[in-house]
Amino acid sequence: MAVPSGDQKPESYYVGVDVGTGSVRAALVDQRGTLVAFAEQPINQWEPQFNHHEQSSEDIWAACCVVTKKVVQGIDLNQIRGLGFDATCSLVVLDKQFRPLPVNHEGNSHQNIIMWLDHRAVSQVHRINETKHSILQYVGGVMSVEMQAPKLLWLKENLRETCWDKAGHFFDLPDFLSWKATGVTARSLCSLVCKWTYLAEEGWDDSFWKMVGLEDLIADNYSKIGNQVLPPGASLGNGLTPEAAKDLGLPAGIAVAASLIDAHAGGLGVIGADVRGYGLACEEQPVTSRLAVICGTSSCHMGISKDPIFVPGIWGPYFSAMVPGFWLNEGGQSVTGKLIDHMVQGHAAFPELQAKATARCQSVYAYLNSHLDLIKKAQPVGFLTVDLHVWPDFHGNRSPLADLTLKGMVTGLKLSQDLDDLAILYLATIQAIAFGTRLIIEAMEAAGHSISTLFLCGGLSKNPLFVKMHADITGMPVVLSQEVESVLVGAAILGACASGDFSSVQEAMARMSKVGKVVFPRHEDKRYYDKKYQVFLKLVEHQKEYAAIMKGD
C-alpha cells in the first residue's frame, strides 16, 4: 500500500459483495473501479427433487462474512466508505421473528430459499398468465416461472401450514442481504420492479394479487413483501449495524446501499464505460445504443431507453431498475454457462479432455479453444460447424419466445466420439448461444431499440471463443471491461453512491468502469453466419412442428 503524502487525500475504498448461484464473491474496489482485493467462498445448494432448487440464507450470510473479512485484511478500515450487495433473484422466506422457514415438503427450515432457477411453479405461472392481467405487459406479455409471484403461489398451495401461514417476510435475496446488514426492511426498486410486478410510479397493483389468489399479501400495506422502496445505490437507514459490522469485519455505521440483482450489477459495471479512442460507433451515440450482456450460468441482455419500449417476450420496460431515470428491457437465456458445461462434461471424450488439460495446467475450455485452432486448418474456426447445428433451449426459452416447453436440439451427429467431435460440439453450442443473443437483439430492435455495441461481462466473457463468436454472429463489436469482475464493480458502485462520494449513479459508473479490450467482428464471415442463423431459426420451427404432429390425432 502506498502511504499518502502530506496533502494527498487517503484512498477511499468500497466493498462489493456478489452472491452468485454457486458462490459468494467480494471485492475491495478503489475510486477508479480497480479491484484491490478479491475473495470467493462456495455456497451450498440442494435439489430435493427435480426442478426444486434450494439454498440457505444463513449459509449465504456466513459466506458473505468470510469473504468480506478476507478482502479488508491489512486495510485501514477508516478508508472504507461504503458497502454494496448484489445477488441472484432467489426468494428468501422468514417468519415474523426473521427466522428461516422451510420451502420444502421435508420441513427443513435451514433450506429457506427457492433459487432463481427453480422451476417448481409451472402450473402456478400458467394460471397467472391465463389471467392476462395488464401488469403482464411489463414482463413481455408472459410471466416467467423464475419470477416471485408463481413461487409465492406455490408456497401457499403446497406448504400452507409449515411455511405460508407462519411467514412474516418474503425477501428477494439482494434485499435480504441489505436488511441483514442494516436492519432496514426497505426493498430495492430493482428487485421489486423486475421480479415482483411492482411499478416504479404506481406501486403495487391490488387487483393483480387478488386475481392470482395471493390477496393475503396486500395486508398491512404489503408489509410481507415490501412497502418502503428505494432506488439502487440509495443509502439505507443508519448504515451498517454494530452486529453486522462485527460479522463482516467492517466499521459500524458505514454506508450500505439499496441493492441490485446480480445481472443488473454487471450491467451497471460495464454500460457506462468511457469508450473514447476505440473507434466505436457508440462513442457518438447515447448510452441507449449499448447492450450489456452478463453471461455466467445463464445470460442476461440489458438494454436501456429514455422512453418505455414494450418488447414481446422480453422483460420490462422497468423504470429505474438499473440506471436511474432510464427504462430497462431485459432479455435472457436460462442456461448458457450451465449448457456449455452440460455438453462438454456429458461427452464420451470428456475424461480424455480432462486428463490432457490437467497435464497442460489448462482449464478444459482453454484446451478446447487451442484444440479447435489446431483442427481448423486454413479456414476460420467457426466454419468447423458447417453441418453441426444446436438449438440451445435445454431449459426452455426465456427470451424472446418465452416458451418453457422448448427443448434443446442437436443435428449433424456422427458415430465417432473423439476429442475433435467434442471440440466441434462445444463450438456449435457457443455459436447457438450467440445466435440466441442475435434473436434477442432483433426482437429488441423491431420494437424500437437501436443497438450498435455489445458490452460483455461475467464468467463466459473470459472465454475468447465465446466473445469472438458473439462479435462475428451479431456483426457488432464487443467491449470487454478492464476489470473482468464487472459484477463486483457494479456492487461497489452502489456502495460508492451510498457513501455520497459521487453525486449520482451515472457519475460513479463513468468514473469506475473502464474499457479493457474491444473485439471487432470479421465481416468477411457474415454470409456463413447468416446461413447458420437461417438453420438456427428452422430448428425451432421444426421443433414446434414435431410437437404438433405428436399432439395430433
Protein backbone atom coordinates (compact mmCIF):
# COMPACT_ATOMS: atom_id res chain seq x y z
CA MET A 1 0.00 0.00 0.00
CA ALA A 2 1.33 3.43 -0.92
CA VAL A 3 1.42 5.83 2.01
CA PRO A 4 -0.33 9.10 1.08
CA SER A 5 1.94 12.14 1.21
CA GLY A 6 1.03 15.14 3.35
CA ASP A 7 -1.67 16.94 1.41
CA GLN A 8 -2.86 13.94 -0.59
CA LYS A 9 -6.24 12.58 0.45
CA PRO A 10 -6.03 8.94 1.55
CA GLU A 11 -7.58 6.50 -0.91
CA SER A 12 -11.25 5.68 -0.45
CA TYR A 13 -12.42 2.08 -0.85
CA TYR A 14 -15.77 0.39 -1.35
CA VAL A 15 -16.72 -3.22 -0.72
CA GLY A 16 -18.85 -5.05 -3.26
CA VAL A 17 -20.42 -8.40 -2.39
CA ASP A 18 -21.87 -10.59 -5.14
CA VAL A 19 -23.93 -13.68 -4.31
CA GLY A 20 -23.98 -15.86 -7.41
CA THR A 21 -25.53 -19.26 -7.96
CA GLY A 22 -22.63 -21.33 -6.62
CA SER A 23 -20.50 -18.92 -4.61
CA VAL A 24 -20.25 -15.60 -2.81
CA ARG A 25 -17.56 -13.25 -4.03
CA ALA A 26 -16.35 -9.99 -2.52
CA ALA A 27 -14.02 -7.29 -3.73
CA LEU A 28 -12.36 -4.23 -2.30
CA VAL A 29 -12.56 -1.59 -5.04
CA ASP A 30 -10.96 1.86 -5.21
CA GLN A 31 -12.46 5.11 -6.56
CA ARG A 32 -11.19 4.34 -10.07
CA GLY A 33 -13.01 1.00 -10.13
CA THR A 34 -9.87 -1.12 -9.71
CA LEU A 35 -10.10 -4.35 -7.72
CA VAL A 36 -7.60 -4.18 -4.88
CA ALA A 37 -8.57 -7.49 -3.27
CA PHE A 38 -10.85 -10.40 -4.14
CA ALA A 39 -12.18 -13.46 -2.29
CA GLU A 40 -14.60 -16.26 -3.07
CA GLN A 41 -16.44 -18.83 -0.96
CA PRO A 42 -18.68 -21.65 -2.26
CA ILE A 43 -22.27 -21.90 -1.04
CA ASN A 44 -24.50 -24.95 -0.75
CA GLN A 45 -27.45 -25.76 -2.94
CA TRP A 46 -29.92 -28.58 -2.60
CA GLU A 47 -32.17 -30.26 -5.15
CA PRO A 48 -34.64 -32.25 -3.01
CA GLN A 49 -36.50 -33.20 -6.20
CA PHE A 50 -36.22 -32.47 -9.92
CA ASN A 51 -36.60 -28.73 -10.71
CA HIS A 52 -36.65 -27.83 -6.98
CA HIS A 53 -33.50 -25.82 -6.18
CA GLU A 54 -32.92 -24.52 -2.67
CA GLN A 55 -30.35 -22.62 -0.63
CA SER A 56 -29.93 -21.36 2.93
CA SER A 57 -29.93 -17.69 3.90
CA GLU A 58 -27.82 -18.44 7.00
CA ASP A 59 -25.27 -20.31 4.89
CA ILE A 60 -25.12 -17.41 2.40
CA TRP A 61 -24.71 -14.74 5.09
CA ALA A 62 -21.92 -16.78 6.72
CA ALA A 63 -20.14 -16.94 3.34
CA CYS A 64 -20.57 -13.14 2.94
CA CYS A 65 -18.82 -12.70 6.28
CA VAL A 66 -15.90 -14.95 5.29
CA VAL A 67 -15.18 -13.15 2.00
CA THR A 68 -15.66 -9.63 3.34
CA LYS A 69 -13.22 -10.22 6.20
CA LYS A 70 -10.68 -11.55 3.67
CA VAL A 71 -10.79 -8.57 1.30
CA VAL A 72 -10.31 -5.92 4.01
CA GLN A 73 -7.33 -7.64 5.66
CA GLY A 74 -4.49 -5.19 6.21
CA ILE A 75 -6.55 -2.15 5.15
CA ASP A 76 -7.11 0.88 7.35
CA LEU A 77 -10.84 0.41 8.00
CA ASN A 78 -11.38 4.19 8.13
CA GLN A 79 -10.75 4.28 4.38
CA ILE A 80 -13.72 2.02 3.65
CA ARG A 81 -16.61 4.29 2.75
CA GLY A 82 -19.45 2.09 1.53
CA LEU A 83 -20.83 -1.41 1.01
CA GLY A 84 -22.98 -2.68 -1.85
CA PHE A 85 -24.66 -6.06 -2.39
CA ASP A 86 -25.95 -7.83 -5.44
CA ALA A 87 -27.38 -11.33 -5.61
CA THR A 88 -29.38 -13.75 -7.71
CA CYS A 89 -33.13 -13.07 -7.62
CA SER A 90 -33.87 -16.00 -5.33
CA LEU A 91 -36.78 -15.98 -2.85
CA VAL A 92 -35.93 -15.88 0.89
CA VAL A 93 -38.65 -16.86 3.39
CA LEU A 94 -38.53 -15.80 7.06
CA ASP A 95 -41.09 -15.91 9.87
CA LYS A 96 -42.33 -12.88 11.85
CA GLN A 97 -39.20 -13.04 14.05
CA PHE A 98 -36.98 -13.15 10.93
CA ARG A 99 -36.17 -16.85 11.39
CA PRO A 100 -35.84 -19.17 8.37
CA LEU A 101 -38.89 -21.19 7.24
CA PRO A 102 -38.79 -24.35 5.13
CA VAL A 103 -39.60 -24.06 1.41
CA ASN A 104 -39.74 -27.87 1.07
CA HIS A 105 -42.01 -30.77 1.95
CA GLU A 106 -39.26 -32.21 4.18
CA GLY A 107 -39.79 -29.34 6.65
CA ASN A 108 -36.08 -28.46 6.64
CA SER A 109 -36.13 -24.80 7.70
CA HIS A 110 -32.40 -24.39 7.06
CA GLN A 111 -33.31 -24.58 3.35
CA ASN A 112 -35.42 -21.41 3.24
CA ILE A 113 -34.57 -20.07 -0.23
CA ILE A 114 -36.24 -21.02 -3.51
CA MET A 115 -33.46 -20.37 -6.02
CA TRP A 116 -33.91 -18.23 -9.12
CA LEU A 117 -33.54 -21.23 -11.47
CA ASP A 118 -36.16 -23.30 -9.61
CA HIS A 119 -38.96 -24.38 -11.95
CA ARG A 120 -41.40 -25.93 -9.44
CA ALA A 121 -44.15 -23.34 -10.07
CA VAL A 122 -45.00 -24.32 -13.67
CA SER A 123 -48.74 -24.81 -13.09
CA GLN A 124 -48.91 -21.61 -10.99
CA VAL A 125 -47.24 -19.43 -13.65
CA HIS A 126 -49.50 -20.96 -16.30
CA ARG A 127 -52.58 -19.88 -14.31
CA ILE A 128 -51.11 -16.40 -13.68
CA ASN A 129 -50.52 -15.96 -17.42
CA GLU A 130 -54.05 -17.12 -18.20
CA THR A 131 -55.42 -14.11 -16.25
CA LYS A 132 -53.98 -11.84 -18.99
CA HIS A 133 -53.72 -9.15 -16.28
CA SER A 134 -52.50 -5.81 -17.66
CA ILE A 135 -49.42 -5.90 -15.39
CA LEU A 136 -48.06 -8.73 -17.57
CA GLN A 137 -47.30 -6.24 -20.35
CA TYR A 138 -44.32 -5.17 -18.20
CA VAL A 139 -42.79 -8.66 -18.42
CA GLY A 140 -43.02 -9.05 -22.19
CA GLY A 141 -46.62 -10.28 -22.01
CA VAL A 142 -45.79 -13.58 -20.28
CA MET A 143 -44.54 -14.05 -16.73
CA SER A 144 -41.59 -16.39 -16.21
CA VAL A 145 -41.67 -19.34 -13.82
CA GLU A 146 -38.47 -17.84 -12.37
CA MET A 147 -40.27 -14.74 -11.05
CA GLN A 148 -41.58 -14.50 -7.48
CA ALA A 149 -45.40 -14.44 -7.83
CA PRO A 150 -45.66 -18.06 -9.08
CA LYS A 151 -43.24 -19.23 -6.37
CA LEU A 152 -45.30 -17.47 -3.68
CA LEU A 153 -48.45 -19.10 -5.04
CA TRP A 154 -46.72 -22.50 -4.99
CA LEU A 155 -45.83 -22.00 -1.30
CA LYS A 156 -49.41 -21.01 -0.47
CA GLU A 157 -50.83 -24.04 -2.27
CA ASN A 158 -48.27 -26.63 -1.17
CA LEU A 159 -46.80 -25.59 2.19
CA ARG A 160 -49.74 -23.74 3.77
CA GLU A 161 -49.15 -24.76 7.37
CA THR A 162 -45.39 -25.24 7.58
CA CYS A 163 -44.43 -22.11 5.62
CA TRP A 164 -47.12 -19.81 4.23
CA ASP A 165 -49.18 -19.22 7.38
CA LYS A 166 -46.07 -18.63 9.52
CA ALA A 167 -44.29 -16.32 7.06
CA GLY A 168 -43.60 -12.75 8.12
CA HIS A 169 -41.21 -11.69 5.37
CA PHE A 170 -40.61 -12.67 1.77
CA PHE A 171 -37.36 -11.10 0.55
CA ASP A 172 -35.60 -11.12 -2.77
CA LEU A 173 -32.08 -12.30 -1.88
CA PRO A 174 -30.41 -8.89 -2.62
CA ASP A 175 -32.90 -7.22 -0.24
CA PHE A 176 -32.38 -9.89 2.42
CA LEU A 177 -28.65 -9.04 2.40
CA SER A 178 -29.17 -5.29 2.79
CA TRP A 179 -31.68 -5.98 5.60
CA LYS A 180 -29.17 -8.26 7.33
CA ALA A 181 -26.55 -5.50 7.12
CA THR A 182 -28.73 -2.58 8.26
CA GLY A 183 -31.85 -3.95 9.94
CA VAL A 184 -33.85 -1.93 7.38
CA THR A 185 -36.56 -3.89 5.55
CA ALA A 186 -36.76 -1.39 2.66
CA ARG A 187 -36.60 -3.07 -0.72
CA SER A 188 -34.65 -2.10 -3.81
CA LEU A 189 -36.66 -0.84 -6.75
CA CYS A 190 -34.58 -3.22 -8.90
CA SER A 191 -35.83 -6.45 -7.29
CA LEU A 192 -39.45 -5.40 -6.83
CA VAL A 193 -39.87 -3.98 -10.31
CA CYS A 194 -38.07 -6.80 -12.12
CA LYS A 195 -39.34 -9.84 -10.24
CA TRP A 196 -42.39 -8.86 -8.15
CA THR A 197 -44.64 -6.81 -10.53
CA TYR A 198 -44.12 -3.53 -8.63
CA LEU A 199 -44.40 -0.41 -10.81
CA ALA A 200 -41.95 2.39 -10.06
CA GLU A 201 -44.60 5.08 -10.44
CA GLU A 202 -47.84 3.39 -9.34
CA GLY A 203 -46.52 0.89 -6.76
CA TRP A 204 -48.32 -2.42 -6.12
CA ASP A 205 -51.47 -3.35 -8.04
CA ASP A 206 -54.04 -4.85 -5.61
CA SER A 207 -56.11 -6.25 -8.46
CA PHE A 208 -53.23 -8.45 -9.65
CA TRP A 209 -52.65 -10.12 -6.27
CA LYS A 210 -56.41 -10.67 -5.85
CA MET A 211 -56.77 -12.10 -9.33
CA VAL A 212 -53.98 -14.67 -8.86
CA GLY A 213 -55.16 -15.78 -5.39
CA LEU A 214 -52.50 -14.02 -3.30
CA GLU A 215 -54.73 -11.31 -1.80
CA ASP A 216 -53.32 -12.10 1.68
CA LEU A 217 -50.11 -10.25 0.70
CA ILE A 218 -51.99 -6.93 0.50
CA ALA A 219 -52.49 -6.93 4.30
CA ASP A 220 -50.70 -4.27 6.40
CA ASN A 221 -49.84 -2.29 3.29
CA TYR A 222 -47.85 -5.18 1.76
CA SER A 223 -45.58 -5.45 4.82
CA LYS A 224 -44.59 -9.04 3.96
CA ILE A 225 -43.22 -8.18 0.53
CA GLY A 226 -42.16 -4.56 0.99
CA ASN A 227 -43.77 -1.15 1.34
CA GLN A 228 -40.71 1.07 1.50
CA VAL A 229 -38.92 1.06 -1.84
CA LEU A 230 -35.62 2.79 -2.67
CA PRO A 231 -33.64 3.22 -5.89
CA PRO A 232 -30.44 1.12 -6.16
CA GLY A 233 -27.50 2.93 -4.57
CA ALA A 234 -29.62 4.86 -2.06
CA SER A 235 -28.21 4.84 1.46
CA LEU A 236 -30.12 2.60 3.91
CA GLY A 237 -31.01 3.60 7.47
CA ASN A 238 -28.05 4.40 9.70
CA GLY A 239 -25.67 2.24 7.70
CA LEU A 240 -24.04 -0.95 8.94
CA THR A 241 -25.35 -2.12 12.32
CA PRO A 242 -22.82 -2.96 15.06
CA GLU A 243 -23.81 -6.64 14.91
CA ALA A 244 -23.41 -6.88 11.12
CA ALA A 245 -20.18 -4.87 11.31
CA LYS A 246 -18.74 -7.47 13.69
CA ASP A 247 -19.88 -10.31 11.39
CA LEU A 248 -18.39 -8.72 8.28
CA GLY A 249 -15.21 -7.26 9.80
CA LEU A 250 -16.17 -3.73 8.71
CA PRO A 251 -16.65 -0.46 10.65
CA ALA A 252 -20.14 0.07 12.10
CA GLY A 253 -22.09 2.92 10.53
CA ILE A 254 -20.53 2.85 7.05
CA ALA A 255 -22.99 3.47 4.24
CA VAL A 256 -24.88 0.44 2.90
CA ALA A 257 -26.64 0.76 -0.44
CA ALA A 258 -30.02 -0.44 -1.67
CA SER A 259 -29.04 -3.47 -3.71
CA LEU A 260 -29.24 -4.84 -7.25
CA ILE A 261 -29.92 -8.22 -8.83
CA ASP A 262 -26.55 -9.71 -9.91
CA ALA A 263 -27.04 -9.29 -13.66
CA HIS A 264 -28.10 -5.67 -13.16
CA ALA A 265 -24.95 -5.04 -11.14
CA GLY A 266 -22.96 -6.38 -14.10
CA GLY A 267 -24.86 -4.04 -16.41
CA LEU A 268 -24.11 -1.12 -14.10
CA GLY A 269 -20.45 -2.14 -14.00
CA VAL A 270 -19.97 -2.05 -17.80
CA ILE A 271 -22.59 0.01 -19.61
CA GLY A 272 -21.32 3.46 -18.59
CA ALA A 273 -17.65 2.98 -19.60
CA ASP A 274 -15.82 5.79 -21.39
CA VAL A 275 -15.23 4.39 -24.91
CA ARG A 276 -13.34 7.32 -26.47
CA GLY A 277 -10.45 6.35 -28.72
CA TYR A 278 -11.58 2.86 -29.73
CA GLY A 279 -13.29 3.78 -33.00
CA LEU A 280 -16.69 2.59 -31.80
CA ALA A 281 -19.96 3.85 -33.26
CA CYS A 282 -21.42 4.15 -29.76
CA GLU A 283 -18.86 6.86 -28.89
CA GLU A 284 -21.05 9.39 -30.72
CA GLN A 285 -24.30 7.74 -29.65
CA PRO A 286 -26.34 7.87 -26.43
CA VAL A 287 -25.84 5.15 -23.80
CA THR A 288 -29.09 3.61 -25.10
CA SER A 289 -27.15 2.22 -28.10
CA ARG A 290 -25.29 -0.16 -25.78
CA LEU A 291 -26.43 -3.65 -24.81
CA ALA A 292 -24.86 -5.12 -21.67
CA VAL A 293 -24.69 -8.92 -21.81
CA ILE A 294 -23.97 -10.53 -18.47
CA CYS A 295 -23.04 -14.14 -19.16
CA GLY A 296 -22.46 -16.71 -16.45
CA THR A 297 -24.59 -19.74 -15.51
CA SER A 298 -27.33 -18.01 -17.50
CA SER A 299 -27.18 -14.83 -19.59
CA CYS A 300 -29.00 -11.51 -19.31
CA HIS A 301 -29.24 -8.88 -22.05
CA MET A 302 -29.73 -5.39 -20.62
CA GLY A 303 -30.79 -2.53 -22.88
CA ILE A 304 -31.93 0.87 -21.64
CA SER A 305 -34.13 3.54 -23.20
CA LYS A 306 -35.33 7.08 -22.43
CA ASP A 307 -38.97 6.11 -23.02
CA PRO A 308 -40.68 2.79 -22.26
CA ILE A 309 -40.39 0.19 -25.05
CA PHE A 310 -42.61 -2.89 -24.90
CA VAL A 311 -40.89 -5.91 -26.46
CA PRO A 312 -42.87 -9.16 -26.75
CA GLY A 313 -41.08 -11.96 -24.90
CA ILE A 314 -38.58 -9.59 -23.26
CA TRP A 315 -38.93 -8.45 -19.66
CA GLY A 316 -39.64 -4.82 -18.88
CA PRO A 317 -39.86 -1.95 -19.51
CA TYR A 318 -38.76 -1.44 -15.89
CA PHE A 319 -38.29 2.18 -14.84
CA SER A 320 -35.03 2.99 -12.98
CA ALA A 321 -34.38 -0.70 -12.30
CA MET A 322 -30.71 -0.49 -13.32
CA VAL A 323 -29.70 3.04 -14.32
CA PRO A 324 -31.81 5.71 -12.56
CA GLY A 325 -34.05 7.63 -14.94
CA PHE A 326 -33.86 5.07 -17.77
CA TRP A 327 -36.26 2.28 -18.69
CA LEU A 328 -34.71 -1.19 -18.75
CA ASN A 329 -35.54 -4.08 -21.06
CA GLU A 330 -34.07 -7.41 -20.07
CA GLY A 331 -33.66 -10.32 -22.43
CA GLY A 332 -32.23 -13.57 -21.20
CA GLN A 333 -31.14 -17.12 -21.83
CA SER A 334 -31.94 -19.51 -18.98
CA VAL A 335 -28.84 -21.65 -19.38
CA THR A 336 -25.60 -20.64 -21.09
CA GLY A 337 -22.53 -21.45 -18.97
CA LYS A 338 -24.51 -24.35 -17.50
CA LEU A 339 -25.31 -25.60 -21.01
CA ILE A 340 -21.68 -25.48 -22.18
CA ASP A 341 -20.68 -27.47 -19.07
CA HIS A 342 -23.52 -29.94 -19.71
CA MET A 343 -22.50 -30.57 -23.34
CA VAL A 344 -18.78 -30.88 -22.60
CA GLN A 345 -18.97 -32.92 -19.39
CA GLY A 346 -21.57 -35.32 -20.80
CA HIS A 347 -19.44 -36.24 -23.84
CA ALA A 348 -17.64 -39.59 -24.08
CA ALA A 349 -14.30 -37.85 -24.70
CA PHE A 350 -14.55 -35.69 -21.56
CA PRO A 351 -12.23 -37.88 -19.39
CA GLU A 352 -9.56 -37.68 -22.11
CA LEU A 353 -10.05 -33.90 -22.36
CA GLN A 354 -9.73 -33.53 -18.57
CA ALA A 355 -6.52 -35.56 -18.48
CA LYS A 356 -4.93 -33.59 -21.35
CA ALA A 357 -5.98 -30.19 -19.96
CA THR A 358 -4.65 -31.11 -16.49
CA ALA A 359 -1.33 -32.24 -17.98
CA ARG A 360 -1.00 -28.81 -19.61
CA CYS A 361 -2.19 -26.98 -16.49
CA GLN A 362 -5.04 -25.50 -18.54
CA SER A 363 -8.77 -25.26 -18.00
CA VAL A 364 -10.76 -27.66 -20.21
CA TYR A 365 -12.07 -24.65 -22.14
CA ALA A 366 -8.64 -23.17 -22.82
CA TYR A 367 -7.59 -26.63 -24.04
CA LEU A 368 -10.65 -26.93 -26.29
CA ASN A 369 -10.01 -23.47 -27.77
CA SER A 370 -6.43 -24.39 -28.68
CA HIS A 371 -7.57 -27.79 -29.99
CA LEU A 372 -10.06 -26.05 -32.32
CA ASP A 373 -7.24 -23.82 -33.63
CA LEU A 374 -5.30 -27.00 -34.36
CA ILE A 375 -8.05 -28.73 -36.35
CA LYS A 376 -9.44 -25.73 -38.25
CA LYS A 377 -6.53 -25.79 -40.77
CA ALA A 378 -6.78 -22.81 -43.15
CA GLN A 379 -10.43 -21.91 -42.59
CA PRO A 380 -11.86 -19.67 -39.85
CA VAL A 381 -12.61 -21.69 -36.71
CA GLY A 382 -16.36 -21.01 -36.89
CA PHE A 383 -16.62 -22.88 -40.20
CA LEU A 384 -15.97 -26.23 -38.46
CA THR A 385 -19.71 -26.46 -37.68
CA VAL A 386 -20.97 -26.31 -41.26
CA ASP A 387 -23.07 -29.46 -40.70
CA LEU A 388 -23.50 -29.42 -36.91
CA HIS A 389 -26.25 -27.21 -35.53
CA VAL A 390 -27.55 -26.70 -31.98
CA TRP A 391 -30.74 -25.14 -30.61
CA PRO A 392 -29.75 -24.17 -27.02
CA ASP A 393 -33.05 -24.20 -25.09
CA PHE A 394 -32.29 -27.21 -22.87
CA HIS A 395 -34.08 -25.38 -20.01
CA GLY A 396 -36.82 -23.71 -22.06
CA ASN A 397 -36.66 -20.30 -23.74
CA ARG A 398 -36.70 -17.15 -21.63
CA SER A 399 -36.41 -14.59 -24.46
CA PRO A 400 -37.73 -13.70 -26.93
CA LEU A 401 -40.01 -16.75 -27.35
CA ALA A 402 -40.90 -17.01 -23.63
CA ASP A 403 -41.68 -20.70 -24.03
CA LEU A 404 -40.85 -23.02 -21.14
CA THR A 405 -41.75 -26.12 -23.14
CA LEU A 406 -38.96 -25.77 -25.72
CA LYS A 407 -36.14 -28.34 -25.59
CA GLY A 408 -32.58 -28.46 -26.83
CA MET A 409 -31.73 -29.84 -30.28
CA VAL A 410 -28.57 -31.08 -31.99
CA THR A 411 -28.44 -32.06 -35.64
CA GLY A 412 -25.45 -33.48 -37.52
CA LEU A 413 -24.21 -36.17 -35.12
CA LYS A 414 -21.85 -38.95 -36.27
CA LEU A 415 -20.78 -42.31 -34.88
CA SER A 416 -17.35 -41.06 -33.76
CA GLN A 417 -16.91 -39.63 -30.26
CA ASP A 418 -13.34 -38.41 -30.15
CA LEU A 419 -11.83 -35.15 -28.91
CA ASP A 420 -12.37 -33.48 -32.30
CA ASP A 421 -16.09 -34.24 -32.09
CA LEU A 422 -16.26 -32.86 -28.55
CA ALA A 423 -14.43 -29.68 -29.58
CA ILE A 424 -16.76 -29.10 -32.53
CA LEU A 425 -19.89 -29.76 -30.42
CA TYR A 426 -18.52 -27.26 -27.87
CA LEU A 427 -18.07 -24.71 -30.67
CA ALA A 428 -21.57 -25.33 -32.06
CA THR A 429 -23.03 -24.83 -28.55
CA ILE A 430 -21.25 -21.49 -28.12
CA GLN A 431 -22.45 -20.43 -31.57
CA ALA A 432 -26.03 -21.41 -30.67
CA ILE A 433 -25.86 -19.19 -27.58
CA ALA A 434 -24.59 -16.31 -29.76
CA PHE A 435 -27.40 -16.90 -32.28
CA GLY A 436 -29.82 -16.74 -29.32
CA THR A 437 -28.35 -13.31 -28.48
CA ARG A 438 -28.84 -12.24 -32.11
CA LEU A 439 -32.50 -13.31 -31.92
CA ILE A 440 -32.97 -11.24 -28.74
CA ILE A 441 -31.31 -8.17 -30.33
CA GLU A 442 -33.54 -8.47 -33.41
CA ALA A 443 -36.66 -8.58 -31.20
CA MET A 444 -35.49 -5.51 -29.26
CA GLU A 445 -34.68 -3.57 -32.45
CA ALA A 446 -38.01 -4.50 -34.05
CA ALA A 447 -39.74 -2.92 -31.03
CA GLY A 448 -37.77 0.33 -31.16
CA HIS A 449 -34.33 -0.17 -29.58
CA SER A 450 -31.29 0.86 -31.61
CA ILE A 451 -28.21 -1.15 -30.58
CA SER A 452 -24.72 -0.83 -32.03
CA THR A 453 -22.33 -2.28 -29.45
CA LEU A 454 -22.26 -5.21 -27.02
CA PHE A 455 -20.66 -4.86 -23.56
CA LEU A 456 -19.88 -8.34 -22.22
CA CYS A 457 -19.10 -9.31 -18.65
CA GLY A 458 -19.45 -12.32 -16.36
CA GLY A 459 -17.63 -15.66 -16.33
CA LEU A 460 -18.12 -16.53 -20.00
CA SER A 461 -16.68 -13.19 -21.14
CA LYS A 462 -13.31 -14.60 -20.00
CA ASN A 463 -13.56 -17.17 -22.82
CA PRO A 464 -12.11 -15.59 -26.01
CA LEU A 465 -14.01 -18.02 -28.28
CA PHE A 466 -17.33 -17.07 -26.66
CA VAL A 467 -16.53 -13.36 -27.17
CA LYS A 468 -15.37 -13.80 -30.77
CA MET A 469 -18.49 -15.77 -31.72
CA HIS A 470 -20.73 -13.07 -30.24
CA ALA A 471 -18.96 -10.42 -32.32
CA ASP A 472 -19.00 -12.43 -35.58
CA ILE A 473 -22.57 -13.71 -35.23
CA THR A 474 -24.20 -10.41 -34.21
CA GLY A 475 -21.94 -8.37 -36.51
CA MET A 476 -21.33 -5.95 -33.62
CA PRO A 477 -18.15 -5.01 -31.77
CA VAL A 478 -17.84 -6.46 -28.27
CA VAL A 479 -16.39 -4.30 -25.49
CA LEU A 480 -14.75 -6.07 -22.55
CA SER A 481 -14.06 -4.28 -19.29
CA GLN A 482 -10.60 -3.69 -17.96
CA GLU A 483 -11.88 -5.21 -14.72
CA VAL A 484 -13.12 -8.72 -15.55
CA GLU A 485 -15.22 -8.82 -12.38
CA SER A 486 -17.71 -6.21 -13.61
CA VAL A 487 -20.49 -7.50 -11.37
CA LEU A 488 -18.37 -6.76 -8.30
CA VAL A 489 -17.51 -3.33 -9.69
CA GLY A 490 -21.26 -2.76 -10.06
CA ALA A 491 -21.85 -3.74 -6.42
CA ALA A 492 -19.01 -1.43 -5.33
CA ILE A 493 -20.51 1.42 -7.43
CA LEU A 494 -23.65 1.07 -5.28
CA GLY A 495 -21.56 1.38 -2.11
CA ALA A 496 -19.80 4.41 -3.60
CA CYS A 497 -23.14 6.08 -4.34
CA ALA A 498 -24.49 5.36 -0.86
CA SER A 499 -21.34 6.89 0.68
CA GLY A 500 -22.06 10.24 -1.03
CA ASP A 501 -18.63 10.26 -2.72
CA PHE A 502 -20.33 10.57 -6.13
CA SER A 503 -23.26 12.80 -6.95
CA SER A 504 -25.10 10.13 -8.96
CA VAL A 505 -25.02 6.52 -10.13
CA GLN A 506 -24.16 7.83 -13.62
CA GLU A 507 -21.12 9.73 -12.33
CA ALA A 508 -19.88 6.68 -10.42
CA MET A 509 -20.43 4.46 -13.49
CA ALA A 510 -18.39 6.77 -15.73
CA ARG A 511 -15.56 7.04 -13.18
CA MET A 512 -15.43 3.39 -12.12
CA SER A 513 -15.93 1.39 -15.34
CA LYS A 514 -13.09 1.21 -17.88
CA VAL A 515 -12.72 -0.42 -21.30
CA GLY A 516 -10.13 -3.20 -21.41
CA LYS A 517 -10.39 -4.62 -24.91
CA VAL A 518 -12.59 -4.35 -27.99
CA VAL A 519 -13.21 -7.36 -30.26
CA PHE A 520 -14.47 -6.41 -33.73
CA PRO A 521 -16.50 -8.79 -35.92
CA ARG A 522 -14.99 -10.45 -39.02
CA HIS A 523 -17.40 -9.09 -41.61
CA GLU A 524 -15.99 -11.40 -44.30
CA ASP A 525 -17.60 -14.35 -42.49
CA LYS A 526 -21.05 -12.73 -42.41
CA ARG A 527 -22.55 -14.81 -45.23
CA TYR A 528 -21.63 -18.08 -43.48
CA TYR A 529 -23.19 -16.98 -40.17
CA ASP A 530 -26.32 -15.67 -41.91
CA LYS A 531 -26.82 -19.16 -43.35
CA LYS A 532 -26.20 -20.79 -39.96
CA TYR A 533 -28.74 -18.36 -38.47
CA GLN A 534 -31.34 -19.43 -41.04
CA VAL A 535 -30.79 -23.04 -39.93
CA PHE A 536 -31.00 -21.91 -36.28
CA LEU A 537 -34.46 -20.41 -36.86
CA LYS A 538 -35.55 -23.51 -38.82
CA LEU A 539 -34.64 -25.73 -35.85
CA VAL A 540 -37.20 -24.16 -33.52
CA GLU A 541 -39.80 -24.02 -36.29
CA HIS A 542 -39.32 -27.75 -36.84
CA GLN A 543 -39.41 -28.50 -33.12
CA LYS A 544 -42.84 -26.86 -32.90
CA GLU A 545 -43.98 -28.88 -35.93
CA TYR A 546 -42.82 -32.13 -34.30
CA ALA A 547 -44.74 -31.24 -31.13
CA ALA A 548 -47.86 -30.51 -33.20
CA ILE A 549 -47.56 -33.86 -35.02
CA MET A 550 -47.23 -35.75 -31.72
CA LYS A 551 -50.20 -33.88 -30.23
CA GLY A 552 -52.37 -34.57 -33.28
CA ASP A 553 -54.93 -37.35 -33.54
